[in-house]
Amino acid sequence: MSGLIKQMVDSARAEHRAYRRRGVQSTAPASTLQDTLAPQRRLAALVQEVSVSFSEQLSKMAAGQRRLMQGLQGYLGLDDHGVDESAMALVSECACFFESFQSLFIKDKDLRDLSHSCEQVMRQCDELSSLVKNRDESYREWQHYEEKVAGLLGTRGSSADHIARNRDKLAHAKERATLLQRQAEAELRAYDTRRVTHCRATLLTLLKSYVRFFAQAGAAAKLPSEGFEQEFRSGVTAEVVGLQKSAELNGTLVTVVKEDQDGRMLVLFPEGVERSVRCENLCPLDARPAAAAQASSHTTSNPGLTGADTKQDAAATVEAPALQLRPPRAPCSGGSEAEILAEGLVGCIEEVLVGGVACELLETGQGRARVRVPAAACGPARVEVRTAAWRQCLAVDESALEYFSVVSFGPCGRNVELSAREGDSTQVLATRSSGLVDAVTLTSELPRLPTEKGECTKYYFEFDVLEGSDKRK
């Protein structure tokens, strides 16, 4: 197919060069141009169909990548020893590549906006085809009245009025046909100048977007690809695992010599014997290459994680769930309720810790829970949300909840009644019942305010007068 397209392109180039040598513009006649309308429209429709197909396929790939990483997160929560350290490092690098792939797909607007350009080309082709069709019909009408008038003139007994009416119709048909011919000729010439533009706006834009996307995706896949290539590089120490027929060799440390055939590696055993072992039966123990380690450091919250730490924090590398509390503030005395949303967390929430203290679970579900907040000191508090397999399936935010001190009215003197504000149990109303108010105390100590002479305990209060009456009454 590529050879045939190359021959056609070379032929078109030779034709254009011949026109340029003769100093003639390569303008096709109108009859030839109108024959290109249908192929031009079919090409635009095909480009539109293929661009939609490409977008759908890339979207499915991105969705499959997300499902794979979420499934891996759930698997690691149930069996964190089923993946060795080297494999976990490669998984982390692939997770980073998947994130890059999805961001590239989201940013690539050309591939998704191409449909509009294709629709414009198809609409122009349809309008031109309709104009050419009307022109041809007008020519047939002109020919019809010419033949009819000629027949009337050659027939004895034709009335003069009949002949005159058909001559008028002939004149109108000729005038309309001439007008449509000029209009079609002008539109086809204008279309001829736009044909190259149409090709660039549809076909070339599709190919450019497609190639550019995979070029950028290939660049993002370079680090994980190098990681896979260098995992069993020559000289790497590996442990033999999972052999069935030669189970006595499991646990033996060997040195990789070179790649063999059929998915095997030639390895050197301690006694000096070289054997061919499948890659899945070898667990590399050496540190990963510097490039791979650098890629992993960008996907974890702690770039210093290695060894067992990398495995334990693999779930956070794969996808860090977003944690949100509603409301984000709570009184230090505790007892208030809060809704927790942990988008992306796998499994139902089974435990919530605020400042290291377990909360009372009132409601729980997939990625959400309603809890009763415990008492704590004022300031931001660490919130940790755990599912059944909490070692990998957890969400943490160091300051998702902020505690505040509730200042309310406490013991009071005569003529004062205390009541809770409707809808807010943390605020208390002090109401004067009758007579003069003796005193009202506050339950919590307010912060010490600095003055010109130093710090001292002086406070400024603001009161909302909810109800008043005339002093004389």
Protein backbone atom coordinates (compact mmCIF):
# COMPACT_ATOMS: atom_id res chain seq x y z
CA MET A 1 0.00 0.00 0.00
CA SER A 2 2.78 2.44 0.90
CA GLY A 3 4.49 1.70 -2.44
CA LEU A 4 1.32 2.46 -4.41
CA ILE A 5 0.78 5.76 -2.54
CA LYS A 6 4.42 6.68 -3.19
CA GLN A 7 3.99 6.10 -6.94
CA MET A 8 0.87 8.30 -7.02
CA VAL A 9 2.63 11.06 -5.07
CA ASP A 10 5.65 10.94 -7.38
CA SER A 11 3.37 11.16 -10.44
CA ALA A 12 1.55 14.19 -9.03
CA ARG A 13 4.87 15.90 -8.23
CA ALA A 14 6.13 15.33 -11.79
CA GLU A 15 2.92 16.83 -13.20
CA HIS A 16 3.22 19.93 -10.98
CA ARG A 17 6.88 20.40 -12.01
CA ALA A 18 5.91 20.19 -15.68
CA TYR A 19 3.30 22.92 -15.22
CA ARG A 20 5.83 25.14 -13.45
CA ARG A 21 8.41 24.69 -16.24
CA ARG A 22 5.84 25.78 -18.83
CA GLY A 23 4.83 28.73 -16.66
CA VAL A 24 1.24 27.51 -16.61
CA GLN A 25 -0.89 27.36 -13.49
CA SER A 26 -2.08 23.82 -12.82
CA THR A 27 -5.79 24.69 -12.99
CA ALA A 28 -8.14 21.89 -13.94
CA PRO A 29 -11.19 22.51 -16.17
CA ALA A 30 -14.58 22.87 -14.47
CA SER A 31 -15.75 19.47 -15.72
CA THR A 32 -12.76 17.85 -14.02
CA LEU A 33 -13.20 19.84 -10.82
CA GLN A 34 -16.82 18.79 -10.41
CA ASP A 35 -15.75 15.17 -10.70
CA THR A 36 -13.48 15.66 -7.66
CA LEU A 37 -16.30 16.76 -5.36
CA ALA A 38 -17.46 13.26 -4.47
CA PRO A 39 -13.92 11.93 -3.75
CA GLN A 40 -13.16 15.05 -1.70
CA ARG A 41 -16.29 14.54 0.37
CA ARG A 42 -15.56 10.83 0.86
CA LEU A 43 -12.04 11.66 2.06
CA ALA A 44 -13.33 14.22 4.57
CA ALA A 45 -15.96 11.77 5.84
CA LEU A 46 -13.31 9.06 6.16
CA VAL A 47 -10.94 11.38 8.07
CA GLN A 48 -13.78 12.32 10.41
CA GLU A 49 -14.69 8.67 11.01
CA VAL A 50 -11.07 7.64 11.59
CA SER A 51 -10.38 10.58 13.93
CA VAL A 52 -13.40 9.63 16.06
CA SER A 53 -12.22 6.01 16.04
CA PHE A 54 -8.70 7.06 17.10
CA SER A 55 -10.09 9.17 19.96
CA GLU A 56 -12.34 6.33 21.14
CA GLN A 57 -9.48 3.82 21.04
CA LEU A 58 -7.13 6.14 22.94
CA SER A 59 -9.87 6.82 25.47
CA LYS A 60 -10.34 3.06 25.93
CA MET A 61 -6.58 2.64 26.39
CA ALA A 62 -6.52 5.36 29.05
CA ALA A 63 -9.53 3.79 30.81
CA GLY A 64 -7.87 0.37 30.71
CA GLN A 65 -4.72 1.81 32.25
CA ARG A 66 -6.72 3.33 35.11
CA ARG A 67 -8.57 0.05 35.71
CA LEU A 68 -5.31 -1.88 35.73
CA MET A 69 -3.72 0.40 38.32
CA GLN A 70 -6.83 0.40 40.51
CA GLY A 71 -6.99 -3.40 40.30
CA LEU A 72 -3.31 -3.59 41.21
CA GLN A 73 -3.95 -1.38 44.23
CA GLY A 74 -6.65 -3.76 45.43
CA TYR A 75 -4.43 -6.79 44.81
CA LEU A 76 -1.52 -5.34 46.77
CA GLY A 77 -3.86 -4.67 49.66
CA LEU A 78 -4.59 -8.39 49.90
CA ASP A 79 -1.15 -9.77 49.00
CA ASP A 80 1.78 -7.38 49.35
CA HIS A 81 4.32 -10.22 49.00
CA GLY A 82 3.16 -11.34 45.55
CA VAL A 83 5.29 -8.74 43.74
CA ASP A 84 9.05 -8.61 44.17
CA GLU A 85 10.97 -5.37 44.65
CA SER A 86 12.32 -5.11 41.11
CA ALA A 87 8.88 -5.76 39.60
CA MET A 88 7.34 -3.18 41.93
CA ALA A 89 9.84 -0.57 40.74
CA LEU A 90 8.88 -1.27 37.12
CA VAL A 91 5.19 -1.09 38.02
CA SER A 92 5.77 2.33 39.58
CA GLU A 93 7.51 3.56 36.45
CA CYS A 94 4.66 2.25 34.28
CA ALA A 95 2.16 4.03 36.52
CA CYS A 96 4.05 7.27 35.87
CA PHE A 97 3.92 6.58 32.12
CA PHE A 98 0.16 5.91 32.30
CA GLU A 99 -0.36 9.31 33.95
CA SER A 100 1.66 10.97 31.17
CA PHE A 101 -0.34 9.08 28.53
CA GLN A 102 -3.65 10.29 29.96
CA SER A 103 -2.46 13.89 30.26
CA LEU A 104 -1.24 13.83 26.63
CA PHE A 105 -4.61 12.50 25.46
CA ILE A 106 -6.52 15.19 27.38
CA LYS A 107 -4.32 18.00 25.99
CA ASP A 108 -4.49 16.83 22.36
CA LYS A 109 -7.39 19.00 21.15
CA ASP A 110 -6.55 18.72 17.43
CA LEU A 111 -7.61 15.10 17.24
CA ARG A 112 -10.98 15.79 18.87
CA ASP A 113 -11.68 19.12 17.09
CA LEU A 114 -10.91 17.67 13.66
CA SER A 115 -14.55 16.69 13.18
CA HIS A 116 -15.56 20.35 12.75
CA SER A 117 -13.12 20.88 9.85
CA CYS A 118 -14.32 17.70 8.16
CA GLU A 119 -17.94 18.81 8.46
CA GLN A 120 -17.10 22.17 6.84
CA VAL A 121 -15.44 20.44 3.87
CA MET A 122 -18.36 18.03 3.44
CA ARG A 123 -20.86 20.90 3.62
CA GLN A 124 -18.98 22.86 0.93
CA CYS A 125 -18.85 19.79 -1.29
CA ASP A 126 -22.58 19.19 -0.79
CA GLU A 127 -23.40 22.82 -1.66
CA LEU A 128 -21.25 22.68 -4.80
CA SER A 129 -22.75 19.34 -5.85
CA SER A 130 -26.24 20.82 -5.42
CA LEU A 131 -25.26 23.84 -7.54
CA VAL A 132 -23.86 21.61 -10.31
CA LYS A 133 -27.03 19.51 -10.19
CA ASN A 134 -29.25 22.60 -10.57
CA ARG A 135 -27.09 23.80 -13.46
CA ASP A 136 -27.44 20.46 -15.26
CA GLU A 137 -31.20 20.47 -14.73
CA SER A 138 -31.43 24.02 -16.16
CA TYR A 139 -29.48 22.88 -19.24
CA ARG A 140 -31.88 19.99 -19.74
CA GLU A 141 -34.83 22.38 -19.42
CA TRP A 142 -33.21 24.71 -21.98
CA GLN A 143 -32.71 21.81 -24.37
CA HIS A 144 -36.31 20.67 -23.82
CA TYR A 145 -37.81 24.03 -24.84
CA GLU A 146 -35.44 24.35 -27.79
CA GLU A 147 -36.66 21.01 -29.13
CA LYS A 148 -40.27 21.90 -28.35
CA VAL A 149 -40.14 25.28 -30.14
CA ALA A 150 -38.42 23.68 -33.13
CA GLY A 151 -41.16 21.05 -33.27
CA LEU A 152 -43.93 23.65 -33.08
CA LEU A 153 -42.37 25.66 -35.89
CA GLY A 154 -42.20 22.57 -38.09
CA THR A 155 -45.76 21.53 -37.39
CA ARG A 156 -48.68 22.90 -39.44
CA GLY A 157 -51.56 24.27 -37.46
CA SER A 158 -49.53 25.43 -34.43
CA SER A 159 -51.00 28.59 -33.04
CA ALA A 160 -48.93 31.74 -32.77
CA ASP A 161 -49.83 32.12 -29.08
CA HIS A 162 -48.62 28.59 -28.31
CA ILE A 163 -45.34 29.20 -30.08
CA ALA A 164 -44.89 32.58 -28.33
CA ARG A 165 -45.45 31.09 -24.86
CA ASN A 166 -42.86 28.36 -25.45
CA ARG A 167 -40.39 30.89 -26.85
CA ASP A 168 -40.75 32.87 -23.63
CA LYS A 169 -40.14 29.72 -21.59
CA LEU A 170 -37.12 28.97 -23.78
CA ALA A 171 -35.71 32.43 -23.14
CA HIS A 172 -36.16 32.08 -19.38
CA ALA A 173 -34.63 28.61 -19.36
CA LYS A 174 -31.62 29.84 -21.37
CA GLU A 175 -31.14 32.82 -19.07
CA ARG A 176 -31.33 30.64 -15.94
CA ALA A 177 -28.97 28.05 -17.39
CA THR A 178 -26.44 30.74 -18.33
CA LEU A 179 -26.62 32.29 -14.85
CA LEU A 180 -26.18 28.94 -13.10
CA GLN A 181 -23.32 28.06 -15.44
CA ARG A 182 -21.44 31.23 -14.52
CA GLN A 183 -22.16 30.74 -10.81
CA ALA A 184 -21.04 27.10 -10.89
CA GLU A 185 -17.90 28.03 -12.84
CA ALA A 186 -16.96 30.68 -10.27
CA GLU A 187 -17.65 28.42 -7.30
CA LEU A 188 -15.68 25.54 -8.83
CA ARG A 189 -12.69 27.84 -9.45
CA ALA A 190 -12.85 29.02 -5.84
CA TYR A 191 -13.12 25.40 -4.72
CA ASP A 192 -10.03 24.58 -6.80
CA THR A 193 -7.99 27.05 -4.75
CA ARG A 194 -9.29 25.52 -1.50
CA ARG A 195 -8.58 21.86 -2.31
CA VAL A 196 -5.07 22.00 -0.88
CA THR A 197 -6.39 23.80 2.20
CA HIS A 198 -9.04 21.11 2.67
CA CYS A 199 -6.44 18.38 2.53
CA ARG A 200 -4.26 20.11 5.09
CA ALA A 201 -7.17 20.92 7.41
CA THR A 202 -8.38 17.30 7.45
CA LEU A 203 -5.99 14.57 6.36
CA LEU A 204 -2.71 16.26 7.30
CA THR A 205 -4.08 17.48 10.65
CA LEU A 206 -5.16 13.92 11.48
CA LEU A 207 -1.77 12.43 10.59
CA LYS A 208 0.11 15.21 12.41
CA SER A 209 -1.92 14.79 15.61
CA TYR A 210 -1.67 11.00 15.48
CA VAL A 211 2.10 10.90 14.92
CA ARG A 212 2.79 13.70 17.42
CA PHE A 213 0.74 11.96 20.11
CA PHE A 214 2.64 8.71 19.80
CA ALA A 215 5.97 10.52 19.55
CA GLN A 216 5.26 12.22 22.89
CA ALA A 217 3.91 8.99 24.37
CA GLY A 218 7.05 7.20 23.18
CA ALA A 219 9.22 9.80 24.89
CA ALA A 220 7.24 9.30 28.12
CA ALA A 221 7.67 5.52 27.79
CA LYS A 222 11.44 5.78 27.41
CA LEU A 223 12.27 5.44 31.13
CA PRO A 224 10.05 2.41 31.87
CA SER A 225 11.19 0.84 28.60
CA GLU A 226 14.84 1.24 29.64
CA GLY A 227 13.94 -0.20 33.03
CA PHE A 228 12.59 -3.38 31.43
CA GLU A 229 15.60 -3.64 29.13
CA GLN A 230 18.11 -3.19 31.96
CA GLU A 231 16.36 -5.34 34.57
CA PHE A 232 18.30 -8.40 33.38
CA ARG A 233 21.40 -6.64 32.12
CA SER A 234 24.63 -8.58 32.18
CA GLY A 235 26.14 -8.89 35.67
CA VAL A 236 22.89 -8.47 37.63
CA THR A 237 22.46 -10.76 40.63
CA ALA A 238 19.11 -12.57 40.72
CA GLU A 239 17.35 -15.12 42.89
CA VAL A 240 15.86 -18.27 41.35
CA VAL A 241 12.19 -18.65 42.31
CA GLY A 242 9.16 -20.72 41.42
CA LEU A 243 10.85 -23.71 39.74
CA GLN A 244 8.70 -26.86 39.85
CA LYS A 245 10.85 -29.63 38.39
CA SER A 246 14.08 -28.33 39.95
CA ALA A 247 12.67 -26.99 43.19
CA GLU A 248 16.00 -27.52 44.94
CA LEU A 249 17.42 -24.58 42.94
CA ASN A 250 14.86 -22.12 44.30
CA GLY A 251 16.53 -19.47 46.45
CA THR A 252 19.88 -19.82 44.65
CA LEU A 253 21.63 -16.55 43.80
CA VAL A 254 22.83 -16.45 40.19
CA THR A 255 24.48 -13.91 37.90
CA VAL A 256 22.90 -12.90 34.61
CA VAL A 257 25.23 -13.57 31.66
CA LYS A 258 23.14 -12.60 28.62
CA GLU A 259 19.73 -12.95 27.04
CA ASP A 260 19.02 -16.37 25.64
CA GLN A 261 16.09 -17.31 23.41
CA ASP A 262 12.36 -17.92 23.91
CA GLY A 263 12.05 -15.55 26.88
CA ARG A 264 14.96 -17.07 28.79
CA MET A 265 18.14 -15.71 30.34
CA LEU A 266 21.50 -17.43 30.46
CA VAL A 267 22.65 -17.29 34.11
CA LEU A 268 25.75 -18.41 35.97
CA PHE A 269 25.21 -20.58 39.07
CA PRO A 270 27.63 -20.49 42.05
CA GLU A 271 29.27 -23.77 41.01
CA GLY A 272 30.27 -22.19 37.67
CA VAL A 273 27.57 -23.86 35.54
CA GLU A 274 25.59 -21.79 33.03
CA ARG A 275 21.92 -22.59 32.59
CA SER A 276 18.99 -21.11 30.71
CA VAL A 277 16.19 -19.93 33.01
CA ARG A 278 12.91 -18.22 32.19
CA CYS A 279 12.71 -14.55 33.14
CA GLU A 280 9.65 -15.10 35.34
CA ASN A 281 11.72 -17.48 37.48
CA LEU A 282 14.33 -14.80 38.23
CA CYS A 283 14.03 -11.93 40.73
CA PRO A 284 16.81 -9.32 40.26
CA LEU A 285 18.32 -8.21 43.57
CA ASP A 286 20.68 -5.46 42.41
CA ALA A 287 19.74 -1.77 42.66
CA ARG A 288 17.86 -0.41 39.70
CA PRO A 289 19.61 1.74 37.08
CA ALA A 290 19.94 5.44 37.92
CA ALA A 291 17.50 6.48 35.19
CA ALA A 292 14.82 4.14 36.48
CA ALA A 293 15.37 5.25 40.06
CA GLN A 294 15.05 8.86 38.97
CA ALA A 295 11.72 8.12 37.28
CA SER A 296 10.41 6.44 40.42
CA SER A 297 11.41 9.40 42.59
CA HIS A 298 8.99 11.61 40.68
CA THR A 299 6.04 9.32 41.40
CA THR A 300 6.39 8.89 45.16
CA SER A 301 5.93 11.34 47.98
CA ASN A 302 9.31 10.32 49.44
CA PRO A 303 12.15 10.07 46.89
CA GLY A 304 14.31 8.27 49.41
CA LEU A 305 12.12 5.16 49.47
CA THR A 306 13.92 1.98 48.48
CA GLY A 307 13.61 -1.72 49.16
CA ALA A 308 10.68 -2.72 51.33
CA ASP A 309 9.61 0.92 51.70
CA THR A 310 8.99 1.11 47.96
CA LYS A 311 6.67 -1.89 48.13
CA GLN A 312 4.75 -0.57 51.11
CA ASP A 313 4.16 2.79 49.44
CA ALA A 314 3.36 1.36 45.99
CA ALA A 315 -0.32 2.11 46.33
CA ALA A 316 0.38 5.79 46.96
CA THR A 317 2.61 5.72 43.85
CA VAL A 318 -0.12 4.16 41.73
CA GLU A 319 -2.82 6.65 42.68
CA ALA A 320 -3.09 8.95 45.69
CA PRO A 321 -6.75 9.28 46.73
CA ALA A 322 -8.00 12.82 47.30
CA LEU A 323 -9.24 13.35 50.87
CA GLN A 324 -11.87 15.93 51.81
CA LEU A 325 -13.81 16.64 55.03
CA ARG A 326 -17.13 18.48 55.30
CA PRO A 327 -17.02 20.66 57.30
CA PRO A 328 -13.23 21.08 57.43
CA ARG A 329 -13.30 22.53 60.99
CA ALA A 330 -14.42 21.07 64.30
CA PRO A 331 -14.54 22.23 67.94
CA CYS A 332 -11.76 21.08 70.27
CA SER A 333 -14.34 19.58 72.61
CA GLY A 334 -15.20 16.97 69.95
CA GLY A 335 -18.56 15.34 69.39
CA SER A 336 -19.38 17.06 66.10
CA GLU A 337 -20.14 15.08 62.94
CA ALA A 338 -18.18 15.26 59.68
CA GLU A 339 -18.52 13.68 56.25
CA ILE A 340 -15.37 12.19 54.71
CA LEU A 341 -14.88 11.82 50.96
CA ALA A 342 -11.89 9.81 49.69
CA GLU A 343 -12.18 9.76 45.91
CA GLY A 344 -10.22 6.91 44.30
CA LEU A 345 -9.89 4.84 47.47
CA VAL A 346 -10.47 1.13 46.83
CA GLY A 347 -12.90 -0.64 49.16
CA CYS A 348 -15.26 0.47 51.90
CA ILE A 349 -13.91 2.70 54.64
CA GLU A 350 -13.46 0.72 57.87
CA GLU A 351 -11.41 3.06 60.06
CA VAL A 352 -10.83 6.80 60.36
CA LEU A 353 -8.12 8.29 62.56
CA VAL A 354 -7.95 11.98 63.47
CA GLY A 355 -4.73 12.95 65.17
CA GLY A 356 -4.08 9.23 65.75
CA VAL A 357 -7.42 8.76 67.57
CA ALA A 358 -10.09 6.51 66.05
CA CYS A 359 -13.40 8.18 65.18
CA GLU A 360 -16.84 6.72 65.77
CA LEU A 361 -18.15 5.49 62.39
CA LEU A 362 -21.77 6.54 61.91
CA GLU A 363 -22.06 5.59 58.22
CA THR A 364 -19.58 3.99 55.83
CA GLY A 365 -19.37 3.10 52.18
CA GLN A 366 -17.18 3.07 49.07
CA GLY A 367 -14.95 6.14 49.32
CA ARG A 368 -17.15 7.96 51.84
CA ALA A 369 -18.06 7.86 55.54
CA ARG A 370 -19.78 9.90 58.25
CA VAL A 371 -17.96 10.04 61.59
CA ARG A 372 -18.11 11.62 65.02
CA VAL A 373 -14.95 13.68 65.53
CA PRO A 374 -12.99 13.09 68.78
CA ALA A 375 -11.67 15.84 71.05
CA ALA A 376 -8.23 17.27 70.30
CA ALA A 377 -6.04 20.32 70.77
CA CYS A 378 -6.57 23.41 68.65
CA GLY A 379 -4.91 23.56 65.22
CA PRO A 380 -4.61 21.32 62.14
CA ALA A 381 -4.93 17.55 62.65
CA ARG A 382 -3.76 14.59 60.57
CA VAL A 383 -6.61 12.55 59.10
CA GLU A 384 -6.05 8.96 58.00
CA VAL A 385 -8.75 6.92 56.24
CA ARG A 386 -8.32 3.16 55.99
CA THR A 387 -10.10 0.38 54.13
CA ALA A 388 -9.97 -3.36 54.90
CA ALA A 389 -6.54 -3.68 53.26
CA TRP A 390 -5.29 -0.48 54.87
CA ARG A 391 -1.57 -1.14 54.36
CA GLN A 392 -1.94 -0.13 50.72
CA CYS A 393 -5.51 1.20 50.52
CA LEU A 394 -5.43 4.35 52.60
CA ALA A 395 -5.75 8.09 52.19
CA VAL A 396 -3.84 10.56 54.36
CA ASP A 397 -3.97 14.33 54.69
CA GLU A 398 -1.79 16.07 57.25
CA SER A 399 -4.17 19.02 57.71
CA ALA A 400 -7.57 17.93 56.39
CA LEU A 401 -9.26 18.95 59.66
CA GLU A 402 -8.62 22.01 61.79
CA TYR A 403 -9.73 22.16 65.42
CA PHE A 404 -10.85 25.43 66.98
CA SER A 405 -11.58 26.43 70.55
CA VAL A 406 -15.24 27.12 71.32
CA VAL A 407 -15.75 30.25 73.46
CA SER A 408 -19.24 30.28 74.94
CA PHE A 409 -21.11 31.60 77.94
CA GLY A 410 -20.77 29.58 81.12
CA PRO A 411 -21.90 30.31 84.71
CA CYS A 412 -24.00 33.43 84.98
CA GLY A 413 -25.60 35.60 87.62
CA ARG A 414 -29.19 36.70 88.12
CA ASN A 415 -31.57 37.69 85.33
CA VAL A 416 -29.67 35.71 82.65
CA GLU A 417 -30.89 32.63 80.78
CA LEU A 418 -28.59 30.48 78.61
CA SER A 419 -29.82 28.60 75.54
CA ALA A 420 -28.29 26.93 72.48
CA ARG A 421 -28.52 28.70 69.14
CA GLU A 422 -30.86 26.81 66.82
CA GLY A 423 -28.95 24.61 64.38
CA ASP A 424 -25.56 25.16 66.05
CA SER A 425 -24.80 23.45 69.36
CA THR A 426 -21.37 25.13 69.62
CA GLN A 427 -22.86 28.61 70.16
CA VAL A 428 -24.80 29.63 73.26
CA LEU A 429 -27.17 32.56 73.64
CA ALA A 430 -27.23 34.62 76.85
CA THR A 431 -30.62 36.31 77.27
CA ARG A 432 -31.51 38.89 79.94
CA SER A 433 -34.80 37.87 81.46
CA SER A 434 -35.57 40.91 83.67
CA GLY A 435 -33.80 43.54 85.68
CA LEU A 436 -30.07 44.10 85.52
CA VAL A 437 -27.50 41.45 84.63
CA ASP A 438 -24.97 40.69 87.36
CA ALA A 439 -22.28 38.84 85.37
CA VAL A 440 -21.59 36.26 82.65
CA THR A 441 -18.41 34.17 82.50
CA LEU A 442 -16.68 32.52 79.56
CA THR A 443 -15.86 28.80 79.48
CA SER A 444 -12.53 29.04 77.61
CA GLU A 445 -9.53 31.29 78.09
CA LEU A 446 -8.95 33.67 75.24
CA PRO A 447 -5.44 34.33 73.87
CA ARG A 448 -3.31 36.95 75.57
CA LEU A 449 -3.29 40.17 73.60
CA PRO A 450 -0.08 42.28 73.29
CA THR A 451 -0.20 45.92 74.40
CA GLU A 452 2.32 48.74 74.47
CA LYS A 453 3.34 47.72 78.02
CA GLY A 454 3.58 44.03 77.19
CA GLU A 455 1.18 41.13 77.13
CA CYS A 456 -1.80 41.19 79.39
CA THR A 457 -5.18 39.52 79.57
CA LYS A 458 -7.49 42.17 78.17
CA TYR A 459 -10.33 41.33 75.82
CA TYR A 460 -12.57 43.16 73.47
CA PHE A 461 -16.10 41.79 73.05
CA GLU A 462 -18.69 42.39 70.39
CA PHE A 463 -22.35 41.68 71.17
CA ASP A 464 -25.19 41.34 68.72
CA VAL A 465 -28.35 42.97 70.09
CA LEU A 466 -31.02 40.51 68.99
CA GLU A 467 -33.90 42.30 70.70
CA GLY A 468 -34.25 45.70 72.38
CA SER A 469 -36.84 47.84 74.13
CA ASP A 470 -37.33 51.48 75.11
CA LYS A 471 -35.42 52.37 78.30
CA ARG A 472 -38.47 54.05 79.85
CA LYS A 473 -40.34 50.73 79.65
